[in-house]
PDB file of N, CA and C in Angstrom:
ATOM      1  N   UNK A   1      60.808 -36.405   9.265  1.00  0.00           N
ATOM      2  CA  UNK A   1      59.172 -36.194   9.686  1.00  0.00           C
ATOM      3  C   UNK A   1      58.357 -35.840   8.752  1.00  0.00           C
ATOM      4  N   UNK A   2      57.623 -36.941   7.845  1.00  0.00           N
ATOM      5  CA  UNK A   2      56.526 -36.260   6.356  1.00  0.00           C
ATOM      6  C   UNK A   2      55.580 -35.065   6.905  1.00  0.00           C
ATOM      7  N   UNK A   3      55.574 -33.989   6.478  1.00  0.00           N
ATOM      8  CA  UNK A   3      54.129 -33.111   6.111  1.00  0.00           C
ATOM      9  C   UNK A   3      52.962 -33.927   5.351  1.00  0.00           C
ATOM     10  N   UNK A   4      52.435 -34.032   5.604  1.00  0.00           N
ATOM     11  CA  UNK A   4      50.857 -34.410   5.152  1.00  0.00           C
ATOM     12  C   UNK A   4      50.093 -32.998   4.284  1.00  0.00           C
ATOM     13  N   UNK A   5      49.295 -33.525   3.530  1.00  0.00           N
ATOM     14  CA  UNK A   5      49.333 -32.693   2.283  1.00  0.00           C
ATOM     15  C   UNK A   5      47.632 -32.903   2.249  1.00  0.00           C
ATOM     16  N   UNK A   6      47.188 -32.314   2.751  1.00  0.00           N
ATOM     17  CA  UNK A   6      45.655 -32.635   2.729  1.00  0.00           C
ATOM     18  C   UNK A   6      44.977 -31.509   3.502  1.00  0.00           C
ATOM     19  N   UNK A   7      43.411 -31.895   3.852  1.00  0.00           N
ATOM     20  CA  UNK A   7      42.819 -31.071   4.687  1.00  0.00           C
ATOM     21  C   UNK A   7      42.124 -31.696   5.900  1.00  0.00           C
ATOM     22  N   UNK A   8      42.432 -30.908   6.938  1.00  0.00           N
ATOM     23  CA  UNK A   8      41.229 -31.647   7.809  1.00  0.00           C
ATOM     24  C   UNK A   8      40.385 -31.884   8.157  1.00  0.00           C
ATOM     25  N   UNK A   9      39.571 -33.224   8.800  1.00  0.00           N
ATOM     26  CA  UNK A   9      38.122 -33.178   8.551  1.00  0.00           C
ATOM     27  C   UNK A   9      37.548 -31.470   9.135  1.00  0.00           C
ATOM     28  N   UNK A  10      37.839 -30.763   9.762  1.00  0.00           N
ATOM     29  CA  UNK A  10      36.735 -29.548  10.615  1.00  0.00           C
ATOM     30  C   UNK A  10      37.108 -28.994   8.958  1.00  0.00           C
ATOM     31  N   UNK A  11      38.054 -29.072   8.315  1.00  0.00           N
ATOM     32  CA  UNK A  11      37.957 -27.816   7.218  1.00  0.00           C
ATOM     33  C   UNK A  11      37.096 -28.640   5.926  1.00  0.00           C
ATOM     34  N   UNK A  12      37.279 -29.486   6.352  1.00  0.00           N
ATOM     35  CA  UNK A  12      35.851 -30.514   5.197  1.00  0.00           C
ATOM     36  C   UNK A  12      34.595 -29.551   5.514  1.00  0.00           C
ATOM     37  N   UNK A  13      34.597 -29.802   6.343  1.00  0.00           N
ATOM     38  CA  UNK A  13      33.634 -29.630   6.960  1.00  0.00           C
ATOM     39  C   UNK A  13      32.658 -28.239   7.179  1.00  0.00           C
ATOM     40  N   UNK A  14      33.593 -27.166   7.495  1.00  0.00           N
ATOM     41  CA  UNK A  14      33.059 -25.950   6.896  1.00  0.00           C
ATOM     42  C   UNK A  14      33.308 -25.448   6.013  1.00  0.00           C
ATOM     43  N   UNK A  15      34.280 -26.116   5.064  1.00  0.00           N
ATOM     44  CA  UNK A  15      34.077 -25.725   3.852  1.00  0.00           C
ATOM     45  C   UNK A  15      32.654 -26.412   2.895  1.00  0.00           C
ATOM     46  N   UNK A  16      32.253 -27.490   3.296  1.00  0.00           N
ATOM     47  CA  UNK A  16      31.141 -28.070   3.226  1.00  0.00           C
ATOM     48  C   UNK A  16      29.982 -27.104   3.447  1.00  0.00           C
ATOM     49  N   UNK A  17      29.977 -26.939   4.678  1.00  0.00           N
ATOM     50  CA  UNK A  17      28.693 -26.488   5.324  1.00  0.00           C
ATOM     51  C   UNK A  17      28.507 -25.135   4.701  1.00  0.00           C
ATOM     52  N   UNK A  18      29.050 -24.445   4.081  1.00  0.00           N
ATOM     53  CA  UNK A  18      29.267 -22.874   3.620  1.00  0.00           C
ATOM     54  C   UNK A  18      29.089 -23.063   2.115  1.00  0.00           C
ATOM     55  N   UNK A  19      29.252 -24.396   1.256  1.00  0.00           N
ATOM     56  CA  UNK A  19      29.172 -24.189   0.192  1.00  0.00           C
ATOM     57  C   UNK A  19      27.265 -24.935  -0.006  1.00  0.00           C
ATOM     58  N   UNK A  20      26.991 -25.676   1.226  1.00  0.00           N
ATOM     59  CA  UNK A  20      24.947 -25.351   0.840  1.00  0.00           C
ATOM     60  C   UNK A  20      24.826 -24.552   1.525  1.00  0.00           C
ATOM     61  N   UNK A  21      25.265 -24.339   2.432  1.00  0.00           N
ATOM     62  CA  UNK A  21      24.703 -22.422   2.816  1.00  0.00           C
ATOM     63  C   UNK A  21      24.573 -21.772   1.872  1.00  0.00           C
ATOM     64  N   UNK A  22      25.351 -21.383   1.220  1.00  0.00           N
ATOM     65  CA  UNK A  22      25.476 -20.363  -0.286  1.00  0.00           C
ATOM     66  C   UNK A  22      24.131 -21.080  -1.253  1.00  0.00           C
ATOM     67  N   UNK A  23      24.117 -22.338  -1.594  1.00  0.00           N
ATOM     68  CA  UNK A  23      23.272 -22.720  -2.744  1.00  0.00           C
ATOM     69  C   UNK A  23      22.286 -22.373  -1.793  1.00  0.00           C
ATOM     70  N   UNK A  24      21.544 -22.768  -0.751  1.00  0.00           N
ATOM     71  CA  UNK A  24      20.257 -23.192   0.070  1.00  0.00           C
ATOM     72  C   UNK A  24      19.853 -21.128  -0.496  1.00  0.00           C
ATOM     73  N   UNK A  25      20.861 -20.201  -0.364  1.00  0.00           N
ATOM     74  CA  UNK A  25      20.433 -18.357   0.209  1.00  0.00           C
ATOM     75  C   UNK A  25      20.684 -18.368  -1.605  1.00  0.00           C
ATOM     76  N   UNK A  26      20.512 -18.779  -2.617  1.00  0.00           N
ATOM     77  CA  UNK A  26      20.860 -18.998  -3.895  1.00  0.00           C
ATOM     78  C   UNK A  26      19.610 -19.089  -4.369  1.00  0.00           C
ATOM     79  N   UNK A  27      19.147 -20.659  -4.148  1.00  0.00           N
ATOM     80  CA  UNK A  27      18.107 -21.024  -4.816  1.00  0.00           C
ATOM     81  C   UNK A  27      16.753 -20.432  -4.160  1.00  0.00           C
ATOM     82  N   UNK A  28      16.844 -20.082  -2.600  1.00  0.00           N
ATOM     83  CA  UNK A  28      15.710 -19.279  -2.006  1.00  0.00           C
ATOM     84  C   UNK A  28      15.716 -17.886  -3.139  1.00  0.00           C
ATOM     85  N   UNK A  29      16.786 -17.250  -3.230  1.00  0.00           N
ATOM     86  CA  UNK A  29      16.590 -16.123  -3.583  1.00  0.00           C
ATOM     87  C   UNK A  29      15.824 -16.009  -5.368  1.00  0.00           C
ATOM     88  N   UNK A  30      16.459 -17.171  -6.336  1.00  0.00           N
ATOM     89  CA  UNK A  30      15.804 -17.748  -7.675  1.00  0.00           C
ATOM     90  C   UNK A  30      14.015 -17.750  -7.236  1.00  0.00           C
ATOM     91  N   UNK A  31      14.073 -18.736  -6.440  1.00  0.00           N
ATOM     92  CA  UNK A  31      12.632 -19.096  -6.335  1.00  0.00           C
ATOM     93  C   UNK A  31      12.032 -18.304  -6.149  1.00  0.00           C
ATOM     94  N   UNK A  32      12.370 -16.678  -5.270  1.00  0.00           N
ATOM     95  CA  UNK A  32      11.416 -16.103  -5.058  1.00  0.00           C
ATOM     96  C   UNK A  32      11.257 -15.158  -6.329  1.00  0.00           C
ATOM     97  N   UNK A  33      12.508 -14.708  -7.043  1.00  0.00           N
ATOM     98  CA  UNK A  33      12.300 -14.334  -7.905  1.00  0.00           C
ATOM     99  C   UNK A  33      11.368 -14.723  -9.407  1.00  0.00           C
ATOM    100  N   UNK A  34      11.554 -16.109  -9.340  1.00  0.00           N
ATOM    101  CA  UNK A  34      10.345 -16.596 -10.410  1.00  0.00           C
ATOM    102  C   UNK A  34       9.030 -16.259  -9.683  1.00  0.00           C
ATOM    103  N   UNK A  35       8.546 -16.088  -8.086  1.00  0.00           N
ATOM    104  CA  UNK A  35       7.410 -16.145  -7.884  1.00  0.00           C
ATOM    105  C   UNK A  35       6.894 -14.476  -7.821  1.00  0.00           C
ATOM    106  N   UNK A  36       7.956 -14.006  -7.899  1.00  0.00           N
ATOM    107  CA  UNK A  36       7.297 -12.540  -8.708  1.00  0.00           C
ATOM    108  C   UNK A  36       7.296 -12.469  -9.549  1.00  0.00           C
ATOM    109  N   UNK A  37       8.216 -12.371 -10.722  1.00  0.00           N
ATOM    110  CA  UNK A  37       7.776 -12.771 -12.194  1.00  0.00           C
ATOM    111  C   UNK A  37       6.581 -13.299 -12.546  1.00  0.00           C
ATOM    112  N   UNK A  38       5.793 -14.169 -11.485  1.00  0.00           N
ATOM    113  CA  UNK A  38       4.745 -14.481 -11.795  1.00  0.00           C
ATOM    114  C   UNK A  38       3.597 -13.695 -11.481  1.00  0.00           C
ATOM    115  N   UNK A  39       3.988 -13.031 -10.453  1.00  0.00           N
ATOM    116  CA  UNK A  39       2.657 -12.526  -9.758  1.00  0.00           C
ATOM    117  C   UNK A  39       3.108 -10.667 -10.448  1.00  0.00           C
ATOM    118  N   UNK A  40       4.037 -10.588 -10.967  1.00  0.00           N
ATOM    119  CA  UNK A  40       4.213  -9.170 -11.994  1.00  0.00           C
ATOM    120  C   UNK A  40       3.030  -9.508 -13.642  1.00  0.00           C
ATOM    121  N   UNK A  41       3.615 -10.591 -13.515  1.00  0.00           N
ATOM    122  CA  UNK A  41       2.930 -11.206 -15.132  1.00  0.00           C
ATOM    123  C   UNK A  41       1.237 -11.236 -14.527  1.00  0.00           C
ATOM    124  N   UNK A  42       0.399 -12.111 -13.390  1.00  0.00           N
ATOM    125  CA  UNK A  42      -0.573 -12.157 -13.781  1.00  0.00           C
ATOM    126  C   UNK A  42      -1.257 -10.407 -13.380  1.00  0.00           C
ATOM    127  N   UNK A  43      -0.628  -9.670 -12.517  1.00  0.00           N
ATOM    128  CA  UNK A  43      -1.071  -8.468 -12.156  1.00  0.00           C
ATOM    129  C   UNK A  43      -0.917  -7.582 -13.507  1.00  0.00           C
ATOM    130  N   UNK A  44      -0.271  -7.804 -14.472  1.00  0.00           N
ATOM    131  CA  UNK A  44      -0.271  -7.572 -15.839  1.00  0.00           C
ATOM    132  C   UNK A  44      -1.710  -7.684 -16.700  1.00  0.00           C
ATOM    133  N   UNK A  45      -1.691  -8.955 -16.407  1.00  0.00           N
ATOM    134  CA  UNK A  45      -3.218  -9.779 -17.045  1.00  0.00           C
ATOM    135  C   UNK A  45      -4.278  -8.903 -16.634  1.00  0.00           C
ATOM    136  N   UNK A  46      -3.956  -8.897 -15.454  1.00  0.00           N
ATOM    137  CA  UNK A  46      -5.413  -8.130 -15.237  1.00  0.00           C
ATOM    138  C   UNK A  46      -5.573  -6.813 -15.093  1.00  0.00           C
ATOM    139  N   UNK A  47      -4.777  -5.614 -15.267  1.00  0.00           N
ATOM    140  CA  UNK A  47      -4.788  -4.418 -16.154  1.00  0.00           C
ATOM    141  C   UNK A  47      -4.764  -4.361 -17.309  1.00  0.00           C
ATOM    142  N   UNK A  48      -4.346  -5.128 -17.907  1.00  0.00           N
ATOM    143  CA  UNK A  48      -4.732  -5.669 -19.539  1.00  0.00           C
ATOM    144  C   UNK A  48      -6.266  -5.719 -19.995  1.00  0.00           C
ATOM    145  N   UNK A  49      -7.097  -7.173 -18.985  1.00  0.00           N
ATOM    146  CA  UNK A  49      -8.009  -7.047 -19.072  1.00  0.00           C
ATOM    147  C   UNK A  49      -8.698  -6.556 -18.710  1.00  0.00           C
ATOM    148  N   UNK A  50      -8.614  -5.340 -17.780  1.00  0.00           N
ATOM    149  CA  UNK A  50      -9.729  -4.211 -17.578  1.00  0.00           C
ATOM    150  C   UNK A  50      -9.368  -3.259 -18.728  1.00  0.00           C
ATOM    151  N   UNK A  51      -8.543  -3.126 -19.244  1.00  0.00           N
ATOM    152  CA  UNK A  51      -8.259  -2.467 -20.033  1.00  0.00           C
ATOM    153  C   UNK A  51      -9.230  -2.781 -21.304  1.00  0.00           C
ATOM    154  N   UNK A  52      -9.147  -3.394 -21.154  1.00  0.00           N
ATOM    155  CA  UNK A  52     -10.165  -4.537 -22.480  1.00  0.00           C
ATOM    156  C   UNK A  52     -11.834  -4.329 -22.445  1.00  0.00           C
ATOM    157  N   UNK A  53     -12.059  -4.766 -20.732  1.00  0.00           N
ATOM    158  CA  UNK A  53     -13.722  -4.617 -20.338  1.00  0.00           C
ATOM    159  C   UNK A  53     -13.820  -2.722 -20.628  1.00  0.00           C
ATOM    160  N   UNK A  54     -13.186  -2.188 -20.250  1.00  0.00           N
ATOM    161  CA  UNK A  54     -13.261  -0.453 -20.411  1.00  0.00           C
ATOM    162  C   UNK A  54     -13.574  -0.113 -21.987  1.00  0.00           C
ATOM    163  N   UNK A  55     -12.953  -0.399 -22.772  1.00  0.00           N
ATOM    164  CA  UNK A  55     -13.128  -0.258 -24.114  1.00  0.00           C
ATOM    165  C   UNK A  55     -14.391  -1.218 -24.468  1.00  0.00           C
ATOM    166  N   UNK A  56     -14.424  -2.205 -23.902  1.00  0.00           N
ATOM    167  CA  UNK A  56     -15.798  -2.900 -24.536  1.00  0.00           C
ATOM    168  C   UNK A  56     -16.780  -1.842 -23.811  1.00  0.00           C
ATOM    169  N   UNK A  57     -17.093  -2.005 -22.799  1.00  0.00           N
ATOM    170  CA  UNK A  57     -18.422  -1.010 -22.227  1.00  0.00           C
ATOM    171  C   UNK A  57     -18.707   0.763 -22.947  1.00  0.00           C
ATOM    172  N   UNK A  58     -16.832   0.901 -23.415  1.00  0.00           N
ATOM    173  CA  UNK A  58     -16.770   2.128 -23.619  1.00  0.00           C
ATOM    174  C   UNK A  58     -18.195   2.313 -25.196  1.00  0.00           C
ATOM    175  N   UNK A  59     -17.120   1.276 -26.146  1.00  0.00           N
ATOM    176  CA  UNK A  59     -17.982   1.137 -27.453  1.00  0.00           C
ATOM    177  C   UNK A  59     -19.889   0.621 -26.977  1.00  0.00           C
ATOM    178  N   UNK A  60     -20.011   0.413 -26.503  1.00  0.00           N
ATOM    179  CA  UNK A  60     -21.204   0.112 -25.791  1.00  0.00           C
ATOM    180  C   UNK A  60     -22.308   1.162 -25.377  1.00  0.00           C
ATOM    181  N   UNK A  61     -21.621   1.673 -24.550  1.00  0.00           N
ATOM    182  CA  UNK A  61     -21.892   3.051 -24.569  1.00  0.00           C
ATOM    183  C   UNK A  61     -22.575   4.203 -25.390  1.00  0.00           C
ATOM    184  N   UNK A  62     -20.926   4.191 -26.622  1.00  0.00           N
ATOM    185  CA  UNK A  62     -21.279   4.822 -26.960  1.00  0.00           C
ATOM    186  C   UNK A  62     -22.125   4.777 -28.431  1.00  0.00           C
ATOM    187  N   UNK A  63     -22.309   3.149 -28.652  1.00  0.00           N
ATOM    188  CA  UNK A  63     -22.753   2.597 -29.607  1.00  0.00           C
ATOM    189  C   UNK A  63     -24.358   3.072 -28.704  1.00  0.00           C
ATOM    190  N   UNK A  64     -24.620   2.922 -28.055  1.00  0.00           N
ATOM    191  CA  UNK A  64     -26.337   2.665 -27.275  1.00  0.00           C
ATOM    192  C   UNK A  64     -27.033   4.660 -26.693  1.00  0.00           C
ATOM    193  N   UNK A  65     -25.863   5.295 -27.205  1.00  0.00           N
ATOM    194  CA  UNK A  65     -26.365   6.940 -26.571  1.00  0.00           C
ATOM    195  C   UNK A  65     -27.597   7.634 -27.648  1.00  0.00           C
ATOM    196  N   UNK A  66     -28.333   8.385 -27.179  1.00  0.00           N
ATOM    197  CA  UNK A  66     -29.401   8.779 -28.285  1.00  0.00           C
ATOM    198  C   UNK A  66     -28.308  10.356 -29.044  1.00  0.00           C
ATOM    199  N   UNK A  67     -28.325  10.151 -30.228  1.00  0.00           N
ATOM    200  CA  UNK A  67     -28.491  11.411 -30.554  1.00  0.00           C
ATOM    201  C   UNK A  67     -29.396  12.146 -30.478  1.00  0.00           C
ATOM    202  N   UNK A  68     -29.821  13.205 -29.809  1.00  0.00           N
ATOM    203  CA  UNK A  68     -30.945  13.847 -29.554  1.00  0.00           C
ATOM    204  C   UNK A  68     -31.532  15.236 -30.411  1.00  0.00           C
ATOM    205  N   UNK A  69     -30.235  15.552 -31.244  1.00  0.00           N
ATOM    206  CA  UNK A  69     -30.414  16.557 -32.818  1.00  0.00           C
ATOM    207  C   UNK A  69     -31.258  15.313 -33.088  1.00  0.00           C
ATOM    208  N   UNK A  70     -31.341  14.182 -34.026  1.00  0.00           N
ATOM    209  CA  UNK A  70     -31.673  13.465 -34.531  1.00  0.00           C
ATOM    210  C   UNK A  70     -32.846  13.123 -33.848  1.00  0.00           C
ATOM    211  N   UNK A  71     -33.178  12.784 -32.748  1.00  0.00           N
ATOM    212  CA  UNK A  71     -34.617  12.454 -31.876  1.00  0.00           C
ATOM    213  C   UNK A  71     -35.234  13.263 -32.078  1.00  0.00           C
ATOM    214  N   UNK A  72     -34.983  14.720 -31.024  1.00  0.00           N
ATOM    215  CA  UNK A  72     -36.235  15.724 -31.308  1.00  0.00           C
ATOM    216  C   UNK A  72     -36.486  16.499 -33.000  1.00  0.00           C
ATOM    217  N   UNK A  73     -36.082  16.167 -33.801  1.00  0.00           N
ATOM    218  CA  UNK A  73     -36.315  16.795 -35.528  1.00  0.00           C
ATOM    219  C   UNK A  73     -36.933  15.235 -36.183  1.00  0.00           C
ATOM    220  N   UNK A  74     -37.210  14.787 -35.790  1.00  0.00           N
ATOM    221  CA  UNK A  74     -38.000  12.949 -36.411  1.00  0.00           C
ATOM    222  C   UNK A  74     -39.145  13.642 -37.555  1.00  0.00           C
ATOM    223  N   UNK A  75     -39.994  14.947 -36.970  1.00  0.00           N
ATOM    224  CA  UNK A  75     -41.177  15.409 -37.360  1.00  0.00           C
ATOM    225  C   UNK A  75     -40.844  15.594 -38.617  1.00  0.00           C
ATOM    226  N   UNK A  76     -39.326  16.246 -39.133  1.00  0.00           N
ATOM    227  CA  UNK A  76     -38.810  16.806 -40.647  1.00  0.00           C
ATOM    228  C   UNK A  76     -38.709  15.937 -41.006  1.00  0.00           C
ATOM    229  N   UNK A  77     -38.361  14.796 -40.388  1.00  0.00           N
ATOM    230  CA  UNK A  77     -37.770  13.577 -41.941  1.00  0.00           C
ATOM    231  C   UNK A  77     -39.174  12.834 -42.321  1.00  0.00           C
TER     232      UNK A  77
END
């Protein structure tokens, strides 16, 4: 009697199922990492824009403040 070399149908189905299950898990992890990357980039952009806005407001406030010493000593000028 010859011994058959090969896989049974059940072994092939189990192997293919486990391969695709692992593939789905890996793709899910990859897409979550991409979403997390874009989320972090968006938060970083918001923080940088807020720093820029605060700097501009700071410069505007510094430029438009009154120098009281010069203001009160105008009659000497």
